[in-house]
């Protein structure tokens, strides 16, 4: 990342954290378009929730998927929830499982517990209480 991009990224993250979403979008959008996965993830969240911009489901999905496909764990988790809830994309529990599994493989506790719940309920996967118990344990929960 060039010094200018690095400064823009830092400014964008600071604006995002301060909930100044329109400013965050100004800084992060060009970086997201250039392929930065963290910028893509944040832009996706803003587009998904109408933060600083009009809600844009198509762009939210495109940016979330782009970051997820680059291995960004939080984006994989976010994409999993988009599929689980049918938010910005058609509801598809099996596709949700795929993305939660990728984030869980990176140790993301939220994805581990969501995946465990899906195994508990047989949602998008065959019901498997033993697998669910192992995933809950891996996430640090006794179930």
C-alpha atoms as a PDB file:
ATOM      1  CA  UNK A   1       0.000   0.000   0.000  1.00  0.00           C
ATOM      2  CA  UNK A   2       1.447   3.408  -0.935  1.00  0.00           C
ATOM      3  CA  UNK A   3       1.901   6.100   1.722  1.00  0.00           C
ATOM      4  CA  UNK A   4      -1.105   8.007   0.347  1.00  0.00           C
ATOM      5  CA  UNK A   5      -3.272   4.879   0.367  1.00  0.00           C
ATOM      6  CA  UNK A   6      -2.045   4.045   3.867  1.00  0.00           C
ATOM      7  CA  UNK A   7      -2.936   7.544   5.096  1.00  0.00           C
ATOM      8  CA  UNK A   8      -6.325   7.373   3.366  1.00  0.00           C
ATOM      9  CA  UNK A   9      -6.945   3.939   4.897  1.00  0.00           C
ATOM     10  CA  UNK A  10      -6.039   5.197   8.390  1.00  0.00           C
ATOM     11  CA  UNK A  11      -8.265   8.250   7.926  1.00  0.00           C
ATOM     12  CA  UNK A  12     -11.086   6.063   6.613  1.00  0.00           C
ATOM     13  CA  UNK A  13     -10.860   3.646   9.533  1.00  0.00           C
ATOM     14  CA  UNK A  14     -10.757   6.541  12.019  1.00  0.00           C
ATOM     15  CA  UNK A  15     -13.858   8.062  10.406  1.00  0.00           C
ATOM     16  CA  UNK A  16     -15.586   4.661  10.393  1.00  0.00           C
ATOM     17  CA  UNK A  17     -14.800   4.097  14.088  1.00  0.00           C
ATOM     18  CA  UNK A  18     -16.046   7.635  14.875  1.00  0.00           C
ATOM     19  CA  UNK A  19     -19.268   6.748  12.994  1.00  0.00           C
ATOM     20  CA  UNK A  20     -18.603   9.497  10.424  1.00  0.00           C
ATOM     21  CA  UNK A  21     -19.646   7.101   7.693  1.00  0.00           C
ATOM     22  CA  UNK A  22     -19.896   9.527   4.769  1.00  0.00           C
ATOM     23  CA  UNK A  23     -16.269  10.593   5.345  1.00  0.00           C
ATOM     24  CA  UNK A  24     -15.241   6.962   5.838  1.00  0.00           C
ATOM     25  CA  UNK A  25     -16.856   6.094   2.500  1.00  0.00           C
ATOM     26  CA  UNK A  26     -14.919   8.894   0.758  1.00  0.00           C
ATOM     27  CA  UNK A  27     -11.609   7.512   2.014  1.00  0.00           C
ATOM     28  CA  UNK A  28     -12.343   3.782   1.828  1.00  0.00           C
ATOM     29  CA  UNK A  29     -14.343   3.459  -1.382  1.00  0.00           C
ATOM     30  CA  UNK A  30     -11.380   4.022  -3.767  1.00  0.00           C
ATOM     31  CA  UNK A  31      -9.277   1.571  -1.739  1.00  0.00           C
ATOM     32  CA  UNK A  32     -12.092  -0.989  -1.837  1.00  0.00           C
ATOM     33  CA  UNK A  33     -12.375  -0.583  -5.602  1.00  0.00           C
ATOM     34  CA  UNK A  34      -8.594  -1.107  -5.823  1.00  0.00           C
ATOM     35  CA  UNK A  35      -8.974  -4.463  -4.015  1.00  0.00           C
ATOM     36  CA  UNK A  36      -8.123  -3.803  -0.352  1.00  0.00           C
ATOM     37  CA  UNK A  37     -10.104  -6.466   1.575  1.00  0.00           C
ATOM     38  CA  UNK A  38     -10.457  -4.513   4.847  1.00  0.00           C
ATOM     39  CA  UNK A  39     -11.713  -1.457   2.951  1.00  0.00           C
ATOM     40  CA  UNK A  40     -14.070  -3.731   0.976  1.00  0.00           C
ATOM     41  CA  UNK A  41     -15.443  -5.192   4.215  1.00  0.00           C
ATOM     42  CA  UNK A  42     -16.102  -1.765   5.728  1.00  0.00           C
ATOM     43  CA  UNK A  43     -17.652  -0.426   2.508  1.00  0.00           C
ATOM     44  CA  UNK A  44     -19.876  -3.521   2.397  1.00  0.00           C
ATOM     45  CA  UNK A  45     -21.094  -2.874   5.953  1.00  0.00           C
ATOM     46  CA  UNK A  46     -21.871   0.758   5.134  1.00  0.00           C
ATOM     47  CA  UNK A  47     -23.722  -0.189   1.923  1.00  0.00           C
ATOM     48  CA  UNK A  48     -25.566  -3.043   3.635  1.00  0.00           C
ATOM     49  CA  UNK A  49     -26.793  -0.838   6.464  1.00  0.00           C
ATOM     50  CA  UNK A  50     -27.178   2.505   4.681  1.00  0.00           C
ATOM     51  CA  UNK A  51     -24.456   4.147   6.756  1.00  0.00           C
ATOM     52  CA  UNK A  52     -23.240   7.370   5.118  1.00  0.00           C
ATOM     53  CA  UNK A  53     -24.783   6.203   1.823  1.00  0.00           C
ATOM     54  CA  UNK A  54     -28.131   4.989   0.579  1.00  0.00           C
ATOM     55  CA  UNK A  55     -28.453   1.249   1.254  1.00  0.00           C
ATOM     56  CA  UNK A  56     -27.067  -0.580  -1.781  1.00  0.00           C
ATOM     57  CA  UNK A  57     -27.578  -4.339  -1.550  1.00  0.00           C
ATOM     58  CA  UNK A  58     -25.779  -5.140  -4.796  1.00  0.00           C
ATOM     59  CA  UNK A  59     -22.636  -3.202  -3.855  1.00  0.00           C
ATOM     60  CA  UNK A  60     -22.762  -4.569  -0.294  1.00  0.00           C
ATOM     61  CA  UNK A  61     -22.814  -8.135  -1.628  1.00  0.00           C
ATOM     62  CA  UNK A  62     -20.119  -7.450  -4.243  1.00  0.00           C
ATOM     63  CA  UNK A  63     -17.753  -5.856  -1.718  1.00  0.00           C
ATOM     64  CA  UNK A  64     -18.422  -8.447   1.023  1.00  0.00           C
ATOM     65  CA  UNK A  65     -17.830 -11.313  -1.429  1.00  0.00           C
ATOM     66  CA  UNK A  66     -14.650  -9.683  -2.807  1.00  0.00           C
ATOM     67  CA  UNK A  67     -13.177  -9.375   0.693  1.00  0.00           C
ATOM     68  CA  UNK A  68     -14.362 -12.871   1.705  1.00  0.00           C
ATOM     69  CA  UNK A  69     -12.797 -14.431  -1.377  1.00  0.00           C
ATOM     70  CA  UNK A  70      -9.484 -12.825  -0.389  1.00  0.00           C
ATOM     71  CA  UNK A  71      -9.658 -14.672   2.945  1.00  0.00           C
ATOM     72  CA  UNK A  72     -10.876 -11.789   5.145  1.00  0.00           C
ATOM     73  CA  UNK A  73     -12.415 -13.694   8.088  1.00  0.00           C
ATOM     74  CA  UNK A  74     -14.853 -10.979   9.177  1.00  0.00           C
ATOM     75  CA  UNK A  75     -16.075 -10.622   5.591  1.00  0.00           C
ATOM     76  CA  UNK A  76     -16.499 -14.405   5.340  1.00  0.00           C
ATOM     77  CA  UNK A  77     -18.577 -14.240   8.528  1.00  0.00           C
ATOM     78  CA  UNK A  78     -20.541 -11.268   7.156  1.00  0.00           C
ATOM     79  CA  UNK A  79     -21.184 -13.033   3.862  1.00  0.00           C
ATOM     80  CA  UNK A  80     -22.312 -16.107   5.802  1.00  0.00           C
ATOM     81  CA  UNK A  81     -24.890 -13.983   7.613  1.00  0.00           C
ATOM     82  CA  UNK A  82     -26.051 -12.403   4.365  1.00  0.00           C
ATOM     83  CA  UNK A  83     -26.840 -15.904   3.080  1.00  0.00           C
ATOM     84  CA  UNK A  84     -28.243 -17.103   6.416  1.00  0.00           C
ATOM     85  CA  UNK A  85     -30.618 -14.144   6.727  1.00  0.00           C
ATOM     86  CA  UNK A  86     -31.288 -13.596   3.022  1.00  0.00           C
ATOM     87  CA  UNK A  87     -29.949 -10.039   3.360  1.00  0.00           C
ATOM     88  CA  UNK A  88     -28.698  -8.551   0.042  1.00  0.00           C
ATOM     89  CA  UNK A  89     -28.840 -12.046  -1.475  1.00  0.00           C
ATOM     90  CA  UNK A  90     -31.270 -14.959  -1.662  1.00  0.00           C
ATOM     91  CA  UNK A  91     -31.398 -16.988   1.555  1.00  0.00           C
ATOM     92  CA  UNK A  92     -29.185 -20.079   1.227  1.00  0.00           C
ATOM     93  CA  UNK A  93     -28.200 -21.942   4.409  1.00  0.00           C
ATOM     94  CA  UNK A  94     -25.777 -24.249   2.610  1.00  0.00           C
ATOM     95  CA  UNK A  95     -23.902 -21.291   1.142  1.00  0.00           C
ATOM     96  CA  UNK A  96     -23.923 -19.683   4.605  1.00  0.00           C
ATOM     97  CA  UNK A  97     -22.313 -22.811   6.075  1.00  0.00           C
ATOM     98  CA  UNK A  98     -19.560 -22.641   3.449  1.00  0.00           C
ATOM     99  CA  UNK A  99     -18.606 -19.083   4.453  1.00  0.00           C
ATOM    100  CA  UNK A 100     -18.980 -19.613   8.212  1.00  0.00           C
ATOM    101  CA  UNK A 101     -16.738 -22.672   7.886  1.00  0.00           C
ATOM    102  CA  UNK A 102     -14.017 -20.643   6.147  1.00  0.00           C
ATOM    103  CA  UNK A 103     -14.109 -17.969   8.871  1.00  0.00           C
ATOM    104  CA  UNK A 104     -14.255 -20.645  11.599  1.00  0.00           C
ATOM    105  CA  UNK A 105     -11.144 -22.271  10.100  1.00  0.00           C
ATOM    106  CA  UNK A 106      -9.402 -18.963  10.827  1.00  0.00           C
ATOM    107  CA  UNK A 107     -10.540 -19.180  14.461  1.00  0.00           C
ATOM    108  CA  UNK A 108     -13.346 -16.610  14.361  1.00  0.00           C
ATOM    109  CA  UNK A 109     -15.377 -17.451  17.483  1.00  0.00           C
ATOM    110  CA  UNK A 110     -18.611 -15.943  16.145  1.00  0.00           C
ATOM    111  CA  UNK A 111     -18.443 -18.191  13.105  1.00  0.00           C
ATOM    112  CA  UNK A 112     -17.635 -21.233  15.224  1.00  0.00           C
ATOM    113  CA  UNK A 113     -20.693 -20.652  17.420  1.00  0.00           C
ATOM    114  CA  UNK A 114     -22.976 -19.861  14.465  1.00  0.00           C
ATOM    115  CA  UNK A 115     -21.793 -23.002  12.692  1.00  0.00           C
ATOM    116  CA  UNK A 116     -22.315 -24.991  15.905  1.00  0.00           C
ATOM    117  CA  UNK A 117     -25.893 -23.696  16.141  1.00  0.00           C
ATOM    118  CA  UNK A 118     -26.502 -24.676  12.515  1.00  0.00           C
ATOM    119  CA  UNK A 119     -25.252 -28.221  13.238  1.00  0.00           C
ATOM    120  CA  UNK A 120     -27.445 -28.293  16.368  1.00  0.00           C
ATOM    121  CA  UNK A 121     -30.510 -27.350  14.309  1.00  0.00           C
ATOM    122  CA  UNK A 122     -29.649 -29.141  11.058  1.00  0.00           C
ATOM    123  CA  UNK A 123     -29.788 -25.812   9.224  1.00  0.00           C
ATOM    124  CA  UNK A 124     -27.882 -26.053   5.925  1.00  0.00           C
ATOM    125  CA  UNK A 125     -26.133 -29.205   7.150  1.00  0.00           C
ATOM    126  CA  UNK A 126     -27.194 -32.589   8.467  1.00  0.00           C
ATOM    127  CA  UNK A 127     -28.080 -32.341  12.145  1.00  0.00           C
ATOM    128  CA  UNK A 128     -24.995 -33.371  14.130  1.00  0.00           C
ATOM    129  CA  UNK A 129     -25.122 -32.585  17.876  1.00  0.00           C
ATOM    130  CA  UNK A 130     -21.640 -34.048  18.440  1.00  0.00           C
ATOM    131  CA  UNK A 131     -20.112 -31.804  15.762  1.00  0.00           C
ATOM    132  CA  UNK A 132     -22.005 -28.863  17.277  1.00  0.00           C
ATOM    133  CA  UNK A 133     -20.582 -29.662  20.729  1.00  0.00           C
ATOM    134  CA  UNK A 134     -17.036 -29.761  19.331  1.00  0.00           C
ATOM    135  CA  UNK A 135     -17.488 -26.429  17.564  1.00  0.00           C
ATOM    136  CA  UNK A 136     -18.904 -24.791  20.698  1.00  0.00           C
ATOM    137  CA  UNK A 137     -15.911 -26.129  22.664  1.00  0.00           C
ATOM    138  CA  UNK A 138     -13.494 -24.833  20.033  1.00  0.00           C
ATOM    139  CA  UNK A 139     -15.124 -21.407  20.379  1.00  0.00           C
ATOM    140  CA  UNK A 140     -14.601 -21.584  24.156  1.00  0.00           C
ATOM    141  CA  UNK A 141     -18.140 -22.489  25.172  1.00  0.00           C
ATOM    142  CA  UNK A 142     -19.350 -25.598  26.939  1.00  0.00           C
ATOM    143  CA  UNK A 143     -22.671 -26.660  25.502  1.00  0.00           C
END
